[in-house]
Amino acid sequence: MRSPRVARINVAPVKSLRLRHPDAIRLGRYGATEDRRFLLIDDLGRLYNGTRDTRLVLVEATWDSTARRLAVTLPDGEIVEGDVVRGPSTRVVIYGRRVRGHVIEGPWADALSDVVGRQLTLVERDDVGWATDLRPATLVSEASLDVIDGDGRRFRMLLEVDGLEAFEEEQWRNRRVRVGKALLLITHPMPRCAVPSTNPDIGRRDRNVLRELVERRDTVDGEACLGVCAEVLRPGEVRVGDDVEAVVHRSAAALVDRVRLSGRRLRRVALNGVS
């Protein structure tokens, strides 16, 4: 088997909308720099995502961070675009974390509200947190995907890697992994929700992927899991085709990683109010 390499990168400028597949990303402390830059909330201020509405995956967004210009392509092909101007500050709870951001005025929220049939607000997150689910970065092997489906778009992981055996990435738990110019710390297997059951081409659930996962590989830590979560120890560029290499484990390095990440969590509590 060939050496593990990055096979595909998956990002979404607006959380829960259709994935994009760039050739390269910049991985910072809080994940891919512009990944999930924007997110949606309902009229009660709660996160509105693909778990709550599968139709969001039919909408695609492109984001030019230099020009600060956002374009949203609706299911009927209409494109809604314009320059992004930040409005009032706000905080959104994402899996127990309070992520700071700013309300965005403009045509996008109204267009997306029409798609889902309820009033939504668009929020741009600040740079002191991430809007992915459990950790700033995620990784899954193509062999693991093949066990259940083979379509990584359903699982929405940041990095897809070829050259590994099925579930081999889980053996990297608590280890450093070098990906391109970045260095990750693999933390734990990724628990799955109902989102992978949604067909990304039609925006409807057409399978029960959680049940299929349990049938084909049992549970991990009592949950249906696929892929792994990661913290970013050293920022850097990651490109499709870059090598993915587990670094030799050393107990001293593991201690340093734990201290470093504990410090980050304390800073996040101070900034956002919740870890």
Protein backbone atom coordinates (compact mmCIF):
# COMPACT_ATOMS: atom_id res chain seq x y z
CA MET A 1 0.00 0.00 0.00
CA ARG A 2 1.25 3.49 -0.85
CA SER A 3 2.28 5.94 1.86
CA PRO A 4 -0.68 7.82 3.33
CA ARG A 5 -1.47 11.08 1.55
CA VAL A 6 -4.18 13.74 1.54
CA ALA A 7 -6.72 12.63 -1.05
CA ARG A 8 -9.33 15.37 -0.67
CA ILE A 9 -10.01 18.49 1.37
CA ASN A 10 -13.58 19.37 2.38
CA VAL A 11 -14.58 22.85 3.53
CA ALA A 12 -17.75 24.93 3.67
CA PRO A 13 -17.59 28.74 4.01
CA VAL A 14 -21.09 28.59 5.55
CA LYS A 15 -21.62 25.80 8.06
CA SER A 16 -23.88 22.96 6.77
CA LEU A 17 -23.98 24.20 3.17
CA ARG A 18 -22.55 22.18 0.27
CA LEU A 19 -18.88 21.26 0.57
CA ARG A 20 -16.12 22.74 -1.55
CA HIS A 21 -12.87 20.92 -2.35
CA PRO A 22 -9.87 23.28 -2.57
CA ASP A 23 -6.41 22.09 -3.57
CA ALA A 24 -4.90 23.65 -0.44
CA ILE A 25 -5.85 25.19 2.90
CA ARG A 26 -4.11 27.04 5.68
CA LEU A 27 -4.51 25.16 8.97
CA GLY A 28 -4.44 27.48 11.94
CA ARG A 29 -4.92 26.80 15.65
CA TYR A 30 -8.69 26.84 15.11
CA GLY A 31 -8.74 24.69 11.99
CA ALA A 32 -8.85 25.62 8.31
CA THR A 33 -8.72 29.41 8.31
CA GLU A 34 -11.92 30.17 6.39
CA ASP A 35 -13.78 26.90 6.95
CA ARG A 36 -17.21 27.45 8.56
CA ARG A 37 -16.50 31.18 8.59
CA PHE A 38 -20.26 31.77 8.63
CA LEU A 39 -23.11 29.97 10.37
CA LEU A 40 -26.86 30.27 10.61
CA ILE A 41 -29.08 30.78 13.64
CA ASP A 42 -32.87 30.69 13.98
CA ASP A 43 -35.16 33.30 15.51
CA LEU A 44 -34.33 31.98 18.99
CA GLY A 45 -30.58 32.36 18.43
CA ARG A 46 -29.98 28.61 18.16
CA LEU A 47 -27.61 27.07 15.65
CA TYR A 48 -29.45 26.02 12.48
CA ASN A 49 -27.49 23.25 10.79
CA GLY A 50 -27.75 20.14 8.65
CA THR A 51 -28.99 18.03 11.55
CA ARG A 52 -32.05 20.26 11.76
CA ASP A 53 -32.56 20.78 8.01
CA THR A 54 -31.11 18.56 5.29
CA ARG A 55 -32.01 21.06 2.55
CA LEU A 56 -29.08 23.27 3.47
CA VAL A 57 -26.71 20.93 1.61
CA LEU A 58 -28.36 21.98 -1.67
CA VAL A 59 -27.00 25.52 -1.26
CA GLU A 60 -23.39 26.37 -2.12
CA ALA A 61 -21.34 29.32 -0.88
CA THR A 62 -18.09 30.85 -2.10
CA TRP A 63 -16.15 33.29 0.05
CA ASP A 64 -13.39 35.70 -0.98
CA SER A 65 -11.80 36.61 2.35
CA THR A 66 -9.54 39.26 0.81
CA ALA A 67 -12.35 41.17 -0.88
CA ARG A 68 -14.78 40.11 1.88
CA ARG A 69 -17.31 39.06 -0.73
CA LEU A 70 -19.79 36.22 -0.23
CA ALA A 71 -21.76 34.50 -2.99
CA VAL A 72 -24.53 31.97 -2.29
CA THR A 73 -25.92 29.76 -5.06
CA LEU A 74 -29.50 28.66 -4.31
CA PRO A 75 -31.04 25.33 -5.40
CA ASP A 76 -32.75 27.01 -8.38
CA GLY A 77 -29.43 28.40 -9.61
CA GLU A 78 -29.96 31.99 -8.47
CA ILE A 79 -26.79 33.61 -7.09
CA VAL A 80 -27.03 36.02 -4.18
CA GLU A 81 -23.80 37.93 -3.60
CA GLY A 82 -22.36 41.07 -2.13
CA ASP A 83 -19.78 42.58 0.20
CA VAL A 84 -19.92 41.40 3.80
CA VAL A 85 -20.22 44.07 6.49
CA ARG A 86 -20.27 43.08 10.15
CA GLY A 87 -23.15 44.17 12.34
CA PRO A 88 -23.75 43.71 16.09
CA SER A 89 -21.71 41.19 18.05
CA THR A 90 -23.29 37.95 19.23
CA ARG A 91 -22.46 34.49 20.57
CA VAL A 92 -23.68 31.15 19.26
CA VAL A 93 -23.60 27.90 21.22
CA ILE A 94 -22.02 25.08 19.16
CA TYR A 95 -21.91 21.74 20.97
CA GLY A 96 -21.53 23.44 24.34
CA ARG A 97 -19.06 26.10 23.19
CA ARG A 98 -19.96 29.76 22.93
CA VAL A 99 -18.49 31.01 19.66
CA ARG A 100 -18.21 34.76 19.31
CA GLY A 101 -19.20 36.45 16.09
CA HIS A 102 -21.11 39.27 14.39
CA VAL A 103 -24.51 39.39 12.75
CA ILE A 104 -24.26 39.96 8.99
CA GLU A 105 -26.80 42.20 7.33
CA GLY A 106 -27.55 41.72 3.64
CA PRO A 107 -29.48 39.53 1.21
CA TRP A 108 -28.11 36.10 2.18
CA ALA A 109 -30.17 35.46 5.32
CA ASP A 110 -33.44 36.29 3.57
CA ALA A 111 -32.56 34.05 0.60
CA LEU A 112 -31.69 31.12 2.88
CA SER A 113 -34.81 31.77 4.96
CA ASP A 114 -36.88 31.33 1.80
CA VAL A 115 -35.16 28.00 1.09
CA VAL A 116 -35.98 26.49 4.50
CA GLY A 117 -39.24 28.31 5.19
CA ARG A 118 -38.27 30.00 8.45
CA GLN A 119 -36.45 33.15 9.51
CA LEU A 120 -32.68 32.75 9.74
CA THR A 121 -29.81 35.08 10.60
CA LEU A 122 -26.30 34.86 9.17
CA VAL A 123 -23.40 35.15 11.62
CA GLU A 124 -19.68 35.53 10.88
CA ARG A 125 -17.57 33.89 13.55
CA ASP A 126 -14.54 35.61 15.06
CA ASP A 127 -11.08 34.09 14.86
CA VAL A 128 -10.89 33.05 18.53
CA GLY A 129 -12.96 29.90 18.04
CA TRP A 130 -14.02 27.32 15.52
CA ALA A 131 -17.42 26.40 14.10
CA THR A 132 -16.75 22.74 13.30
CA ASP A 133 -18.40 20.35 15.72
CA LEU A 134 -16.00 18.84 18.29
CA ARG A 135 -12.44 19.82 17.38
CA PRO A 136 -10.76 22.25 14.97
CA ALA A 137 -9.75 19.49 12.52
CA THR A 138 -11.03 16.07 11.47
CA LEU A 139 -9.54 13.26 9.39
CA VAL A 140 -10.84 10.02 7.87
CA SER A 141 -9.27 7.38 5.66
CA GLU A 142 -10.82 6.45 2.32
CA ALA A 143 -10.68 2.80 3.41
CA SER A 144 -12.87 3.62 6.43
CA LEU A 145 -15.31 5.43 4.16
CA ASP A 146 -15.44 2.42 1.85
CA VAL A 147 -16.67 0.23 4.71
CA ILE A 148 -19.88 2.23 4.94
CA ASP A 149 -20.35 4.23 1.75
CA GLY A 150 -17.28 5.54 -0.02
CA ASP A 151 -18.75 9.07 -0.36
CA GLY A 152 -16.87 11.37 1.95
CA ARG A 153 -19.28 14.21 1.27
CA ARG A 154 -21.79 12.57 3.60
CA PHE A 155 -19.36 12.67 6.53
CA ARG A 156 -18.02 16.20 5.97
CA MET A 157 -14.54 15.58 7.42
CA LEU A 158 -11.85 18.18 6.77
CA LEU A 159 -9.25 15.75 5.40
CA GLU A 160 -9.69 12.48 3.53
CA VAL A 161 -6.57 10.30 3.42
CA ASP A 162 -5.67 7.38 1.16
CA GLY A 163 -3.01 4.77 1.83
CA LEU A 164 -4.41 3.56 5.19
CA GLU A 165 -6.26 0.42 6.20
CA ALA A 166 -9.85 0.79 7.36
CA PHE A 167 -9.98 2.48 10.79
CA GLU A 168 -6.19 2.68 10.96
CA GLU A 169 -6.46 6.39 11.75
CA GLU A 170 -8.01 5.46 15.11
CA GLN A 171 -4.71 3.85 16.09
CA TRP A 172 -3.19 7.36 16.09
CA ARG A 173 -5.23 8.39 19.12
CA ASN A 174 -3.17 10.71 21.39
CA ARG A 175 -0.37 10.78 18.80
CA ARG A 176 1.10 13.55 16.69
CA VAL A 177 0.50 13.33 12.95
CA ARG A 178 2.31 15.47 10.40
CA VAL A 179 0.08 16.56 7.50
CA GLY A 180 1.85 18.69 4.93
CA LYS A 181 3.43 21.56 6.86
CA ALA A 182 1.00 21.26 9.78
CA LEU A 183 1.25 19.11 12.89
CA LEU A 184 -1.90 17.60 14.41
CA LEU A 185 -2.64 15.81 17.65
CA ILE A 186 -5.25 13.10 17.11
CA THR A 187 -7.62 13.22 20.07
CA HIS A 188 -10.46 10.67 19.72
CA PRO A 189 -12.71 8.89 17.22
CA MET A 190 -15.48 11.06 15.74
CA PRO A 191 -19.00 10.22 16.99
CA ARG A 192 -21.48 10.40 14.15
CA CYS A 193 -24.88 12.10 14.08
CA ALA A 194 -27.71 11.81 11.56
CA VAL A 195 -26.06 14.08 8.96
CA PRO A 196 -24.28 11.27 7.00
CA SER A 197 -27.67 9.74 6.28
CA THR A 198 -28.40 12.73 4.03
CA ASN A 199 -27.73 12.29 0.31
CA PRO A 200 -25.66 15.40 -0.60
CA ASP A 201 -27.06 15.46 -4.14
CA ILE A 202 -30.76 15.54 -3.24
CA GLY A 203 -30.78 17.01 0.28
CA ARG A 204 -32.84 14.20 1.80
CA ARG A 205 -32.08 11.28 4.13
CA ASP A 206 -32.04 8.10 2.07
CA ARG A 207 -30.22 5.73 4.48
CA ASN A 208 -29.72 5.05 8.17
CA VAL A 209 -25.95 5.41 8.31
CA LEU A 210 -25.74 5.21 12.11
CA ARG A 211 -27.38 1.79 12.07
CA GLU A 212 -25.17 0.63 9.20
CA LEU A 213 -22.05 1.75 11.06
CA VAL A 214 -22.97 -0.22 14.16
CA GLU A 215 -23.83 -3.30 12.07
CA ARG A 216 -20.55 -3.24 10.17
CA ARG A 217 -18.08 -2.31 12.91
CA ASP A 218 -19.86 -2.20 16.28
CA THR A 219 -19.42 0.90 18.47
CA VAL A 220 -16.34 2.79 19.67
CA ASP A 221 -16.48 4.07 23.24
CA GLY A 222 -20.19 3.23 23.13
CA GLU A 223 -20.91 5.39 20.06
CA ALA A 224 -21.14 4.97 16.29
CA CYS A 225 -17.87 6.50 15.10
CA LEU A 226 -16.02 7.09 11.85
CA GLY A 227 -12.83 9.11 11.41
CA VAL A 228 -10.96 11.02 14.11
CA CYS A 229 -10.85 14.49 15.64
CA ALA A 230 -7.66 16.52 15.99
CA GLU A 231 -6.13 19.64 17.52
CA VAL A 232 -3.66 21.74 15.52
CA LEU A 233 -0.31 21.84 17.32
CA ARG A 234 1.61 23.59 14.56
CA PRO A 235 -0.18 25.65 11.90
CA GLY A 236 0.79 25.27 8.27
CA GLU A 237 -0.36 24.74 4.71
CA VAL A 238 -1.94 21.44 3.71
CA ARG A 239 -2.30 20.46 0.06
CA VAL A 240 -3.92 17.56 -1.77
CA GLY A 241 -1.17 14.96 -2.25
CA ASP A 242 0.77 15.93 0.89
CA ASP A 243 2.19 13.10 3.00
CA VAL A 244 0.40 12.11 6.19
CA GLU A 245 2.79 10.63 8.76
CA ALA A 246 2.38 9.58 12.38
CA VAL A 247 5.29 10.88 14.43
CA VAL A 248 7.15 8.51 16.75
CA HIS A 249 5.42 8.64 20.13
CA ARG A 250 7.39 10.02 23.06
CA SER A 251 5.94 10.38 26.55
CA ALA A 252 7.60 13.77 27.09
CA ALA A 253 6.02 15.12 23.88
CA ALA A 254 2.62 13.82 24.98
CA LEU A 255 2.96 15.69 28.30
CA VAL A 256 3.89 18.90 26.48
CA ASP A 257 0.86 18.49 24.20
CA ARG A 258 -1.51 18.08 27.16
CA VAL A 259 -0.12 21.18 28.90
CA ARG A 260 -0.32 23.22 25.71
CA LEU A 261 -3.91 22.21 24.98
CA SER A 262 -4.98 22.82 28.58
CA GLY A 263 -3.64 26.37 28.25
CA ARG A 264 -5.61 26.87 25.06
CA ARG A 265 -8.82 25.68 26.70
CA LEU A 266 -8.34 28.10 29.59
CA ARG A 267 -7.86 30.95 27.13
CA ARG A 268 -11.01 29.94 25.26
CA VAL A 269 -12.97 29.96 28.52
CA ALA A 270 -11.71 33.47 29.25
CA LEU A 271 -12.60 34.72 25.77
CA ASN A 272 -15.89 32.92 25.14
CA GLY A 273 -17.25 32.06 28.56
CA VAL A 274 -17.50 28.31 27.84
CA SER A 275 -14.87 25.76 26.80
